C-alpha cells in the first residue's frame, strides 16, 4: 500500500517468462521489467531496448562473478546472447532455453 501523499510508480511489465519489451512499446529512458525473470530493461537513445546486467562485481568492477548452478529457468529472448564462466550446472527441474540464432557460451 502506498504511503499517503505519494504516487506509486508502475513500470511497464510482463509476467511471461522470456518476454522482453520492444522499442515501439517504450519511450527513451523508460524502464520495463519482466517480473517472472527479474530482468530490468530500458530504451537507450539509439532506440534499442537494453537489459541491465546482473551479477556481482568485485575489485572495483574489474571482476564480475556468476553462480555455478542455474537455480531458475531462463529463456534467452530473441536478440540476446549470454555467457557464464564454468563449469555451470543446471539444477534438477530447471531449464535454460536458448532461442534460435542466439548463443549461451560457457567458458
N, C-alpha and C. Protein backbone atom coordinates (compact mmCIF):
# COMPACT_ATOMS: atom_id res chain seq x y z
N UNK A 1 0.85 -1.18 0.00
CA UNK A 1 0.00 0.00 0.00
C UNK A 1 0.89 1.24 0.00
N UNK A 2 0.64 2.20 -0.93
CA UNK A 2 1.48 3.38 -0.99
C UNK A 2 1.28 4.28 0.22
N UNK A 3 2.35 4.97 0.54
CA UNK A 3 2.30 5.92 1.64
C UNK A 3 1.40 7.09 1.25
N UNK A 4 0.68 7.64 2.20
CA UNK A 4 -0.22 8.76 1.95
C UNK A 4 0.57 9.94 1.41
N UNK A 5 0.07 10.55 0.34
CA UNK A 5 0.71 11.73 -0.24
C UNK A 5 1.75 11.41 -1.29
N UNK A 6 1.99 10.13 -1.59
CA UNK A 6 2.96 9.75 -2.59
C UNK A 6 2.27 8.99 -3.71
N UNK A 7 2.81 9.12 -4.92
CA UNK A 7 2.26 8.43 -6.07
C UNK A 7 3.10 7.19 -6.34
N UNK A 8 2.50 6.00 -6.38
CA UNK A 8 3.29 4.80 -6.69
C UNK A 8 3.75 4.82 -8.15
N UNK A 9 4.92 4.26 -8.39
CA UNK A 9 5.46 4.16 -9.74
C UNK A 9 5.18 2.76 -10.26
N UNK A 10 4.52 2.67 -11.38
CA UNK A 10 4.21 1.38 -12.01
C UNK A 10 5.01 1.28 -13.30
N UNK A 11 5.87 0.29 -13.40
CA UNK A 11 6.67 0.10 -14.61
C UNK A 11 5.88 -0.71 -15.64
N UNK A 12 6.20 -0.48 -16.90
CA UNK A 12 5.73 -1.36 -17.97
C UNK A 12 6.25 -2.74 -17.61
N UNK A 13 5.41 -3.78 -17.62
CA UNK A 13 5.87 -5.07 -17.14
C UNK A 13 5.19 -6.23 -17.85
N UNK A 14 5.85 -7.41 -17.69
CA UNK A 14 5.31 -8.66 -18.20
C UNK A 14 5.56 -9.73 -17.15
N UNK A 15 4.67 -10.68 -17.07
CA UNK A 15 4.86 -11.83 -16.18
C UNK A 15 5.07 -13.11 -16.99
N UNK A 16 5.36 -12.98 -18.28
CA UNK A 16 5.62 -14.12 -19.15
C UNK A 16 7.11 -14.39 -19.20
N UNK A 17 7.56 -15.57 -18.75
CA UNK A 17 8.99 -15.87 -18.80
C UNK A 17 9.56 -15.70 -20.20
N UNK A 18 10.71 -15.04 -20.29
CA UNK A 18 11.38 -14.85 -21.57
C UNK A 18 10.90 -13.67 -22.39
N UNK A 19 9.81 -13.04 -21.98
CA UNK A 19 9.28 -11.91 -22.74
C UNK A 19 10.14 -10.67 -22.50
N UNK A 20 10.41 -9.94 -23.56
CA UNK A 20 11.17 -8.70 -23.48
C UNK A 20 10.38 -7.62 -24.22
N UNK A 21 10.46 -6.37 -23.76
CA UNK A 21 9.74 -5.32 -24.46
C UNK A 21 10.36 -5.01 -25.81
N UNK A 22 9.56 -4.46 -26.71
CA UNK A 22 10.07 -4.00 -28.00
C UNK A 22 10.16 -2.48 -27.96
N UNK A 23 11.03 -1.93 -28.78
CA UNK A 23 11.29 -0.49 -28.77
C UNK A 23 10.02 0.34 -28.95
N UNK A 24 9.09 -0.15 -29.76
CA UNK A 24 7.85 0.61 -30.01
C UNK A 24 7.01 0.79 -28.75
N UNK A 25 7.21 -0.08 -27.75
CA UNK A 25 6.42 -0.01 -26.52
C UNK A 25 7.02 0.86 -25.44
N UNK A 26 8.24 1.38 -25.65
CA UNK A 26 8.91 2.18 -24.62
C UNK A 26 9.33 3.53 -25.16
N UNK A 27 9.35 4.51 -24.29
CA UNK A 27 9.94 5.81 -24.60
C UNK A 27 11.42 5.75 -24.23
N UNK A 28 12.23 6.58 -24.84
CA UNK A 28 13.65 6.64 -24.49
C UNK A 28 13.80 6.91 -23.00
N UNK A 29 14.58 6.06 -22.33
CA UNK A 29 14.80 6.19 -20.90
C UNK A 29 13.77 5.51 -20.03
N UNK A 30 12.70 5.01 -20.63
CA UNK A 30 11.66 4.34 -19.85
C UNK A 30 12.13 2.95 -19.43
N UNK A 31 11.72 2.54 -18.25
CA UNK A 31 12.06 1.23 -17.72
C UNK A 31 10.91 0.25 -17.91
N UNK A 32 11.28 -1.03 -18.06
CA UNK A 32 10.30 -2.12 -18.12
C UNK A 32 10.90 -3.29 -17.35
N UNK A 33 10.05 -4.11 -16.78
CA UNK A 33 10.54 -5.25 -16.01
C UNK A 33 9.77 -6.51 -16.38
N UNK A 34 10.50 -7.62 -16.47
CA UNK A 34 9.85 -8.92 -16.58
C UNK A 34 9.86 -9.48 -15.17
N UNK A 35 8.69 -9.51 -14.55
CA UNK A 35 8.60 -9.92 -13.15
C UNK A 35 8.75 -11.43 -12.97
N UNK A 36 8.60 -12.20 -14.04
CA UNK A 36 8.82 -13.65 -13.95
C UNK A 36 10.31 -13.97 -13.92
N UNK A 37 11.09 -13.22 -14.70
CA UNK A 37 12.52 -13.47 -14.82
C UNK A 37 13.37 -12.55 -13.94
N UNK A 38 12.77 -11.45 -13.47
CA UNK A 38 13.53 -10.49 -12.67
C UNK A 38 14.52 -9.69 -13.51
N UNK A 39 14.17 -9.42 -14.76
CA UNK A 39 15.07 -8.68 -15.65
C UNK A 39 14.51 -7.29 -15.88
N UNK A 40 15.38 -6.29 -15.74
CA UNK A 40 15.01 -4.90 -15.93
C UNK A 40 15.56 -4.42 -17.27
N UNK A 41 14.72 -3.77 -18.06
CA UNK A 41 15.08 -3.28 -19.39
C UNK A 41 14.93 -1.76 -19.44
N UNK A 42 15.61 -1.14 -20.42
CA UNK A 42 15.43 0.29 -20.70
C UNK A 42 15.65 0.54 -22.19
N UNK A 43 15.12 1.65 -22.68
CA UNK A 43 15.30 2.01 -24.08
C UNK A 43 16.35 3.11 -24.14
N UNK A 44 17.42 2.87 -24.92
CA UNK A 44 18.52 3.84 -25.00
C UNK A 44 18.28 4.88 -26.09
N UNK A 45 19.14 5.89 -26.20
CA UNK A 45 18.94 6.96 -27.19
C UNK A 45 19.01 6.50 -28.64
N UNK A 46 19.55 5.30 -28.91
CA UNK A 46 19.60 4.80 -30.28
C UNK A 46 18.36 4.00 -30.64
N UNK A 47 17.35 4.02 -29.76
CA UNK A 47 16.08 3.32 -29.96
C UNK A 47 16.20 1.82 -29.73
N UNK A 48 17.26 1.39 -29.04
CA UNK A 48 17.46 -0.03 -28.75
C UNK A 48 17.01 -0.33 -27.33
N UNK A 49 16.37 -1.49 -27.15
CA UNK A 49 15.99 -1.94 -25.81
C UNK A 49 17.17 -2.72 -25.27
N UNK A 50 17.66 -2.30 -24.10
CA UNK A 50 18.81 -2.93 -23.46
C UNK A 50 18.39 -3.52 -22.13
N UNK A 51 19.16 -4.47 -21.68
CA UNK A 51 18.91 -5.15 -20.41
C UNK A 51 19.97 -4.73 -19.42
N UNK A 52 19.54 -4.37 -18.21
CA UNK A 52 20.51 -4.10 -17.16
C UNK A 52 21.20 -5.42 -16.84
N UNK A 53 22.50 -5.37 -16.64
CA UNK A 53 23.22 -6.60 -16.33
C UNK A 53 23.05 -6.94 -14.86
N UNK A 54 23.18 -8.21 -14.58
CA UNK A 54 23.13 -8.66 -13.20
C UNK A 54 24.40 -9.42 -12.90
N UNK A 55 24.59 -9.79 -11.71
CA UNK A 55 25.80 -10.47 -11.29
C UNK A 55 26.47 -9.63 -10.24
N UNK A 56 27.52 -10.15 -9.70
CA UNK A 56 28.23 -9.45 -8.65
C UNK A 56 29.54 -8.91 -9.19
N UNK A 57 29.82 -7.65 -8.93
CA UNK A 57 31.07 -7.04 -9.34
C UNK A 57 31.99 -6.93 -8.14
N UNK A 58 33.26 -7.18 -8.37
CA UNK A 58 34.26 -7.08 -7.32
C UNK A 58 35.48 -6.34 -7.85
N UNK A 59 36.40 -6.02 -6.99
CA UNK A 59 37.65 -5.36 -7.37
C UNK A 59 37.38 -4.07 -8.14
N UNK A 60 36.44 -3.29 -7.64
CA UNK A 60 36.12 -2.02 -8.30
C UNK A 60 35.43 -2.17 -9.63
N UNK A 61 34.77 -3.31 -9.83
CA UNK A 61 34.06 -3.55 -11.08
C UNK A 61 34.89 -4.28 -12.12
N UNK A 62 36.16 -4.57 -11.82
CA UNK A 62 37.04 -5.24 -12.77
C UNK A 62 36.74 -6.74 -12.88
N UNK A 63 36.08 -7.30 -11.87
CA UNK A 63 35.76 -8.72 -11.88
C UNK A 63 34.25 -8.87 -11.70
N UNK A 64 33.64 -9.64 -12.57
CA UNK A 64 32.21 -9.94 -12.45
C UNK A 64 32.08 -11.43 -12.20
N UNK A 65 31.31 -11.78 -11.18
CA UNK A 65 31.17 -13.19 -10.83
C UNK A 65 29.80 -13.71 -11.22
N UNK A 66 29.71 -15.03 -11.37
CA UNK A 66 28.41 -15.66 -11.60
C UNK A 66 28.31 -16.91 -10.73
N UNK A 67 27.09 -17.32 -10.44
CA UNK A 67 26.85 -18.54 -9.67
C UNK A 67 27.24 -19.75 -10.52
N UNK A 68 27.51 -20.87 -9.88
CA UNK A 68 27.90 -22.07 -10.61
C UNK A 68 26.73 -23.01 -10.88
N UNK A 69 25.55 -22.70 -10.32
CA UNK A 69 24.36 -23.51 -10.57
C UNK A 69 23.20 -22.61 -10.97
N UNK A 70 22.57 -22.93 -12.11
CA UNK A 70 21.36 -22.23 -12.53
C UNK A 70 20.20 -22.81 -11.72
N UNK A 71 19.60 -22.00 -10.87
CA UNK A 71 18.53 -22.49 -9.99
C UNK A 71 17.15 -22.00 -10.41
N UNK A 72 17.09 -21.22 -11.47
CA UNK A 72 15.81 -20.73 -12.01
C UNK A 72 15.81 -20.94 -13.51
N UNK A 73 14.68 -21.33 -14.06
CA UNK A 73 14.57 -21.49 -15.51
C UNK A 73 14.73 -20.14 -16.19
N UNK A 74 15.30 -20.17 -17.41
CA UNK A 74 15.53 -18.93 -18.15
C UNK A 74 15.41 -19.21 -19.63
N UNK A 75 14.82 -18.25 -20.36
CA UNK A 75 14.75 -18.30 -21.81
C UNK A 75 15.51 -17.10 -22.34
N UNK A 76 16.53 -17.34 -23.17
CA UNK A 76 17.22 -16.24 -23.83
C UNK A 76 16.28 -15.69 -24.90
N UNK A 77 15.82 -14.45 -24.72
CA UNK A 77 14.92 -13.88 -25.73
C UNK A 77 15.64 -13.67 -27.06
N UNK A 78 14.90 -13.65 -28.12
CA UNK A 78 15.46 -13.36 -29.43
C UNK A 78 16.21 -12.04 -29.36
N UNK A 79 17.38 -11.99 -29.95
CA UNK A 79 18.18 -10.76 -29.94
C UNK A 79 19.12 -10.64 -28.75
N UNK A 80 19.20 -11.71 -27.92
CA UNK A 80 20.11 -11.67 -26.77
C UNK A 80 21.04 -12.87 -26.78
N UNK A 81 22.22 -12.69 -26.24
CA UNK A 81 23.18 -13.75 -26.03
C UNK A 81 23.64 -13.67 -24.59
N UNK A 82 24.33 -14.70 -24.13
CA UNK A 82 24.84 -14.66 -22.77
C UNK A 82 26.08 -15.52 -22.62
N UNK A 83 26.80 -15.28 -21.52
CA UNK A 83 27.95 -16.12 -21.23
C UNK A 83 28.06 -16.34 -19.73
N UNK A 84 28.69 -17.42 -19.37
CA UNK A 84 28.97 -17.76 -17.98
C UNK A 84 30.38 -18.31 -17.92
N UNK A 85 30.98 -18.22 -16.76
CA UNK A 85 32.27 -18.87 -16.54
C UNK A 85 31.97 -20.14 -15.79
N UNK A 86 32.43 -21.27 -16.32
CA UNK A 86 32.03 -22.55 -15.79
C UNK A 86 33.11 -23.26 -15.04
N UNK A 87 32.78 -24.46 -14.63
CA UNK A 87 31.60 -25.21 -15.04
C UNK A 87 30.31 -24.65 -14.45
N UNK A 88 29.22 -24.84 -15.17
CA UNK A 88 27.90 -24.41 -14.73
C UNK A 88 26.98 -25.63 -14.76
N UNK A 89 26.24 -25.81 -13.69
CA UNK A 89 25.28 -26.90 -13.57
C UNK A 89 23.87 -26.32 -13.62
N UNK A 90 22.98 -27.00 -14.32
CA UNK A 90 21.57 -26.61 -14.35
C UNK A 90 20.85 -27.53 -13.37
N UNK A 91 20.25 -26.96 -12.35
CA UNK A 91 19.60 -27.73 -11.29
C UNK A 91 18.46 -28.59 -11.83
N UNK A 92 18.14 -29.66 -11.12
CA UNK A 92 17.05 -30.55 -11.48
C UNK A 92 15.74 -29.78 -11.57
N UNK A 93 14.99 -29.98 -12.65
CA UNK A 93 13.71 -29.31 -12.83
C UNK A 93 13.83 -27.92 -13.43
N UNK A 94 15.05 -27.45 -13.65
CA UNK A 94 15.30 -26.12 -14.20
C UNK A 94 15.69 -26.28 -15.66
N UNK A 95 15.24 -25.37 -16.52
CA UNK A 95 15.61 -25.40 -17.93
C UNK A 95 16.20 -24.06 -18.34
N UNK A 96 17.18 -24.13 -19.21
CA UNK A 96 17.74 -22.94 -19.85
C UNK A 96 17.51 -23.12 -21.34
N UNK A 97 16.74 -22.21 -21.93
CA UNK A 97 16.39 -22.32 -23.34
C UNK A 97 17.06 -21.19 -24.10
N UNK A 98 17.81 -21.57 -25.14
CA UNK A 98 18.48 -20.59 -25.98
C UNK A 98 17.68 -20.48 -27.27
N UNK A 99 17.11 -19.31 -27.51
CA UNK A 99 16.28 -19.10 -28.70
C UNK A 99 17.10 -19.32 -29.96
N UNK A 100 16.43 -19.72 -31.03
CA UNK A 100 17.08 -19.97 -32.30
C UNK A 100 17.89 -18.75 -32.74
N UNK A 101 19.13 -18.99 -33.13
CA UNK A 101 20.00 -17.91 -33.60
C UNK A 101 20.76 -17.20 -32.50
N UNK A 102 20.50 -17.56 -31.24
CA UNK A 102 21.17 -16.91 -30.10
C UNK A 102 22.24 -17.85 -29.56
N UNK A 103 23.09 -17.34 -28.65
CA UNK A 103 24.16 -18.14 -28.09
C UNK A 103 24.26 -17.97 -26.58
N UNK A 104 24.57 -19.07 -25.89
CA UNK A 104 24.97 -19.05 -24.47
C UNK A 104 26.33 -19.75 -24.45
N UNK A 105 27.35 -19.02 -24.10
CA UNK A 105 28.70 -19.55 -24.09
C UNK A 105 29.15 -19.72 -22.64
N UNK A 106 29.63 -20.91 -22.32
CA UNK A 106 30.21 -21.18 -21.01
C UNK A 106 31.70 -21.35 -21.22
N UNK A 107 32.48 -20.46 -20.61
CA UNK A 107 33.94 -20.54 -20.78
C UNK A 107 34.60 -21.01 -19.50
